Amino acid sequence: MTRHILILGGHGKIAQLLTPLLLRKSWTVTSIIRTSEQIPTIEGLATGHGKLNVLVRSLEDVKEVSQAKGILDEVKPDSIVWTAGAGGKGPVERTFAVDRDAATCFVRAAVDTPSISKLVLISYLACRRASPSWWDADSWEYVRKVHASSLADYCEAKLQADQVLVQEAPQRSDFAAISLRPGMLTDATSGGVELGKTKSARGNISRASVAETVSALLENEALSTCWLDLLDGDEDVGTAVDLVAQGRVDAAEGEKAHP
């Protein structure tokens, strides 16, 4: 089946790895980037399969759901991948403008667009308010230290978007929103993964494996709205995605709502 995927934040490292994976499926990809200077880089990702569109838009300027809805109505995708983000760098205002406000607007706009059936939002494994039952004390102490570090605002912004996702996406039974929450990112080659409720909060995951996981999540029709943590591991990506879908795994279990 022909698919049309909208990638928000198309110039990022994960997005650049993901784009050719989707094009090789003969899917259409629309990549939204920040500046026209980035266009040649994205156009260079074309594989000879599928169709690649590139749009220049400022996600930082998306303040209202109606603005996000306008972009969705223009592009007309059936699925969305959010890979945009300030990455904890730059002014705190930009972190909240992109990682919380714009992300939240697109989540809500996607829920309100019947033709969109799936959204995958890239978050971060340490974005939690409570220790899940499957982690040990060392993992939670590690997360507490992350929240007390320079990543504190980034984690808070990401977490608020993650919580909107799990609260609002279930309004539609024909829609699945997945917060994919990788650990520390590396530039290693892709490999096996641990997906779902990871045994620890500590660990790495290659950007290439994140991209392959997103591709598999988009292809799997049995997924429902959830959080999925992701680390390097021993499971084949496709098998790991099938298992979390069949088991209806949700790493948001036990998480506290925003105060």
Protein backbone atom coordinates (compact mmCIF):
# COMPACT_ATOMS: atom_id res chain seq x y z
CA MET A 1 0.00 0.00 0.00
CA THR A 2 1.30 3.47 -0.90
CA ARG A 3 2.01 5.56 2.17
CA HIS A 4 2.75 9.25 2.69
CA ILE A 5 4.94 10.05 5.69
CA LEU A 6 5.48 13.58 6.99
CA ILE A 7 8.83 13.98 8.77
CA LEU A 8 8.96 17.02 11.03
CA GLY A 9 12.58 18.00 11.61
CA GLY A 10 13.85 16.40 8.42
CA HIS A 11 17.43 17.70 8.64
CA GLY A 12 18.20 15.90 11.91
CA LYS A 13 20.53 12.90 11.97
CA ILE A 14 17.80 10.34 12.68
CA ALA A 15 15.54 11.86 10.02
CA GLN A 16 18.30 11.67 7.42
CA LEU A 17 18.79 7.98 8.20
CA LEU A 18 15.04 7.33 8.17
CA THR A 19 14.19 9.11 4.91
CA PRO A 20 15.92 6.65 2.53
CA LEU A 21 14.52 3.68 4.49
CA LEU A 22 10.99 4.91 3.79
CA LEU A 23 11.70 5.82 0.18
CA ARG A 24 13.01 2.31 -0.48
CA LYS A 25 9.53 1.04 0.43
CA SER A 26 8.29 3.15 -2.51
CA TRP A 27 6.52 5.44 -0.05
CA THR A 28 6.13 9.20 -0.40
CA VAL A 29 8.08 11.26 2.14
CA THR A 30 7.56 14.95 2.82
CA SER A 31 10.42 16.35 4.86
CA ILE A 32 9.98 19.64 6.69
CA ILE A 33 13.20 21.55 7.33
CA ARG A 34 14.10 24.93 8.81
CA THR A 35 16.07 26.68 6.08
CA SER A 36 16.43 26.59 2.31
CA GLU A 37 20.16 25.97 2.78
CA GLN A 38 19.26 22.47 3.98
CA ILE A 39 17.37 21.54 0.79
CA PRO A 40 20.34 20.05 -1.13
CA THR A 41 21.18 17.76 1.79
CA ILE A 42 17.64 16.37 1.93
CA GLU A 43 17.29 16.07 -1.83
CA GLY A 44 20.52 14.07 -1.78
CA LEU A 45 18.73 11.38 0.26
CA ALA A 46 16.56 10.37 -2.71
CA THR A 47 16.95 6.69 -3.57
CA GLY A 48 15.29 6.45 -6.96
CA HIS A 49 12.27 4.89 -5.27
CA GLY A 50 9.22 6.57 -3.81
CA LYS A 51 8.74 10.32 -3.96
CA LEU A 52 10.57 12.92 -1.85
CA ASN A 53 9.09 16.36 -1.18
CA VAL A 54 10.92 19.06 0.79
CA LEU A 55 9.18 21.97 2.53
CA VAL A 56 10.77 24.84 4.45
CA ARG A 57 8.76 25.77 7.54
CA SER A 58 9.59 27.07 11.02
CA LEU A 59 8.25 24.64 13.61
CA GLU A 60 9.36 27.06 16.31
CA ASP A 61 6.65 29.44 15.07
CA VAL A 62 3.87 26.87 15.48
CA LYS A 63 2.03 28.15 18.55
CA GLU A 64 -1.53 27.01 17.85
CA VAL A 65 -3.12 23.72 16.85
CA SER A 66 -4.65 25.49 13.85
CA GLN A 67 -1.16 26.25 12.51
CA ALA A 68 -0.14 22.60 12.76
CA LYS A 69 -3.45 21.58 11.19
CA GLY A 70 -2.75 23.94 8.30
CA ILE A 71 0.52 22.13 7.55
CA LEU A 72 -1.19 18.73 7.77
CA ASP A 73 -3.97 19.89 5.44
CA GLU A 74 -1.35 21.14 2.98
CA VAL A 75 0.77 17.97 3.00
CA LYS A 76 -2.02 15.40 3.45
CA PRO A 77 0.10 12.62 5.01
CA ASP A 78 -1.29 9.42 6.49
CA SER A 79 1.46 9.23 9.13
CA ILE A 80 3.74 11.66 10.97
CA VAL A 81 7.21 11.28 12.44
CA TRP A 82 8.37 13.99 14.84
CA THR A 83 12.17 14.09 14.94
CA ALA A 84 12.45 17.84 15.53
CA GLY A 85 13.87 19.30 18.70
CA ALA A 86 16.36 21.65 20.24
CA GLY A 87 18.18 18.71 21.85
CA GLY A 88 18.59 20.60 25.10
CA LYS A 89 20.80 23.17 23.37
CA GLY A 90 20.23 26.88 23.00
CA PRO A 91 17.83 29.13 24.94
CA VAL A 92 15.32 27.45 27.22
CA GLU A 93 12.55 29.36 25.42
CA ARG A 94 13.39 27.57 22.18
CA THR A 95 13.42 24.19 23.93
CA PHE A 96 9.87 24.69 25.19
CA ALA A 97 8.72 26.31 21.93
CA VAL A 98 9.79 23.30 19.85
CA ASP A 99 9.92 20.24 22.11
CA ARG A 100 6.74 21.04 24.04
CA ASP A 101 4.56 23.62 22.31
CA ALA A 102 5.00 22.74 18.62
CA ALA A 103 5.11 19.01 19.34
CA THR A 104 1.90 19.23 21.36
CA CYS A 105 0.19 21.21 18.60
CA PHE A 106 1.03 18.52 16.05
CA VAL A 107 -0.15 15.72 18.34
CA ARG A 108 -3.50 17.44 18.80
CA ALA A 109 -3.77 18.32 15.12
CA ALA A 110 -3.04 14.71 14.15
CA VAL A 111 -5.75 13.42 16.49
CA ASP A 112 -8.13 15.89 14.84
CA THR A 113 -7.28 14.72 11.30
CA PRO A 114 -9.15 11.48 10.43
CA SER A 115 -6.91 10.68 7.45
CA ILE A 116 -3.87 10.39 9.73
CA SER A 117 -3.61 6.96 11.34
CA LYS A 118 -0.22 7.05 13.06
CA LEU A 119 2.22 9.41 14.75
CA VAL A 120 5.68 8.52 16.04
CA LEU A 121 7.24 11.11 18.32
CA ILE A 122 10.93 10.78 19.21
CA SER A 123 11.39 11.53 22.90
CA TYR A 124 13.98 10.47 25.50
CA LEU A 125 14.01 7.48 27.83
CA ALA A 126 14.76 9.54 30.97
CA CYS A 127 11.62 11.69 30.61
CA ARG A 128 9.58 10.39 33.54
CA ARG A 129 8.11 11.68 36.81
CA ALA A 130 8.02 8.33 38.60
CA SER A 131 10.17 5.21 38.69
CA PRO A 132 8.51 2.35 36.80
CA SER A 133 8.18 -0.98 38.57
CA TRP A 134 10.55 -2.73 36.14
CA TRP A 135 13.54 -0.48 36.96
CA ASP A 136 15.88 -0.88 39.90
CA ALA A 137 16.92 1.91 42.27
CA ASP A 138 20.12 2.58 40.34
CA SER A 139 18.14 3.33 37.17
CA TRP A 140 15.89 5.79 38.93
CA GLU A 141 18.84 7.52 40.59
CA TYR A 142 20.40 7.90 37.15
CA VAL A 143 17.19 9.52 35.85
CA ARG A 144 17.06 11.87 38.85
CA LYS A 145 20.58 13.03 38.04
CA VAL A 146 19.62 13.64 34.42
CA HIS A 147 16.69 15.78 35.59
CA ALA A 148 19.05 17.79 37.79
CA SER A 149 21.50 18.38 34.93
CA SER A 150 21.57 20.74 31.96
CA LEU A 151 18.95 18.47 30.35
CA ALA A 152 16.30 19.35 32.96
CA ASP A 153 14.31 21.74 30.76
CA TYR A 154 14.62 19.43 27.76
CA CYS A 155 13.25 16.50 29.78
CA GLU A 156 10.37 18.58 31.11
CA ALA A 157 9.43 19.85 27.65
CA LYS A 158 9.58 16.36 26.14
CA LEU A 159 7.64 14.84 29.02
CA GLN A 160 4.78 17.30 28.74
CA ALA A 161 4.43 16.45 25.04
CA ASP A 162 4.59 12.72 25.84
CA GLN A 163 1.79 13.12 28.36
CA VAL A 164 -0.45 14.98 25.93
CA LEU A 165 0.15 12.13 23.49
CA VAL A 166 -1.06 9.39 25.84
CA GLN A 167 -3.96 11.49 27.15
CA GLU A 168 -5.42 12.66 23.83
CA ALA A 169 -4.51 10.07 21.20
CA PRO A 170 -6.94 7.42 22.58
CA GLN A 171 -9.85 9.69 21.56
CA ARG A 172 -9.68 7.89 18.19
CA SER A 173 -9.76 4.11 17.99
CA ASP A 174 -8.32 4.21 14.45
CA PHE A 175 -5.24 6.21 15.47
CA ALA A 176 -1.99 5.15 17.18
CA ALA A 177 0.50 7.60 18.67
CA ILE A 178 3.81 6.18 19.85
CA SER A 179 6.37 8.04 21.94
CA LEU A 180 9.62 6.29 21.04
CA ARG A 181 12.07 6.99 23.85
CA PRO A 182 15.69 6.14 23.01
CA GLY A 183 18.56 6.18 25.47
CA MET A 184 21.84 7.97 24.77
CA LEU A 185 22.29 8.26 21.02
CA THR A 186 25.40 7.06 19.19
CA ASP A 187 26.57 6.98 15.59
CA ALA A 188 27.25 3.23 15.62
CA THR A 189 25.81 0.98 12.94
CA SER A 190 22.35 -0.49 13.42
CA GLY A 191 21.93 -3.71 15.33
CA GLY A 192 19.73 -5.51 17.82
CA VAL A 193 17.47 -3.59 20.19
CA GLU A 194 15.65 -3.77 23.50
CA LEU A 195 12.22 -2.20 22.98
CA GLY A 196 9.31 -1.54 25.31
CA LYS A 197 9.99 -1.74 29.03
CA THR A 198 13.78 -1.70 29.11
CA LYS A 199 15.45 -3.35 32.09
CA SER A 200 17.48 -0.22 32.80
CA ALA A 201 17.41 3.53 32.24
CA ARG A 202 21.10 3.44 31.39
CA GLY A 203 22.34 2.55 27.95
CA ASN A 204 23.00 3.59 24.39
CA ILE A 205 21.15 3.18 21.14
CA SER A 206 22.47 3.96 17.67
CA ARG A 207 20.65 6.54 15.58
CA ALA A 208 20.59 3.98 12.78
CA SER A 209 18.69 1.54 15.02
CA VAL A 210 16.27 4.30 16.02
CA ALA A 211 15.58 4.99 12.34
CA GLU A 212 15.01 1.28 11.62
CA THR A 213 12.68 1.05 14.61
CA VAL A 214 10.63 4.03 13.43
CA SER A 215 10.34 2.44 9.99
CA ALA A 216 9.09 -0.81 11.53
CA LEU A 217 6.64 1.04 13.79
CA LEU A 218 5.15 2.80 10.77
CA GLU A 219 4.68 -0.52 9.00
CA ASN A 220 3.10 -2.41 11.90
CA GLU A 221 -0.71 -2.13 11.85
CA ALA A 222 -1.31 -3.73 15.26
CA LEU A 223 0.19 -0.98 17.43
CA SER A 224 -1.86 1.16 19.78
CA THR A 225 -0.99 4.40 21.57
CA CYS A 226 1.92 3.88 23.96
CA TRP A 227 5.39 4.83 25.17
CA LEU A 228 8.20 2.54 24.05
CA ASP A 229 11.69 2.82 25.55
CA LEU A 230 14.58 1.82 23.31
CA LEU A 231 18.16 0.68 23.94
CA ASP A 232 20.75 -1.41 22.16
CA GLY A 233 19.91 -5.07 22.73
CA ASP A 234 19.70 -8.54 21.24
CA GLU A 235 16.31 -8.52 19.52
CA ASP A 236 15.86 -8.05 15.79
CA VAL A 237 14.05 -4.74 15.19
CA GLY A 238 11.11 -6.27 13.33
CA THR A 239 10.66 -8.99 15.94
CA ALA A 240 10.87 -6.46 18.77
CA VAL A 241 8.16 -4.29 17.21
CA ASP A 242 5.91 -7.30 16.61
CA LEU A 243 6.30 -8.40 20.24
CA VAL A 244 5.40 -5.02 21.76
CA ALA A 245 2.41 -4.75 19.42
CA GLN A 246 1.15 -8.25 20.24
CA GLY A 247 1.70 -7.75 23.97
CA ARG A 248 0.26 -4.21 23.97
CA VAL A 249 3.35 -3.10 25.87
CA ASP A 250 3.19 0.44 27.25
CA ALA A 251 6.12 1.96 29.15
CA ALA A 252 3.85 4.81 30.32
CA GLU A 253 2.37 2.46 32.95
CA GLY A 254 2.70 3.90 36.43
CA GLU A 255 3.70 7.35 35.20
CA LYS A 256 2.40 10.36 37.12
CA ALA A 257 0.33 12.98 35.37
CA HIS A 258 1.67 16.50 35.02
CA PRO A 259 0.98 18.43 38.25
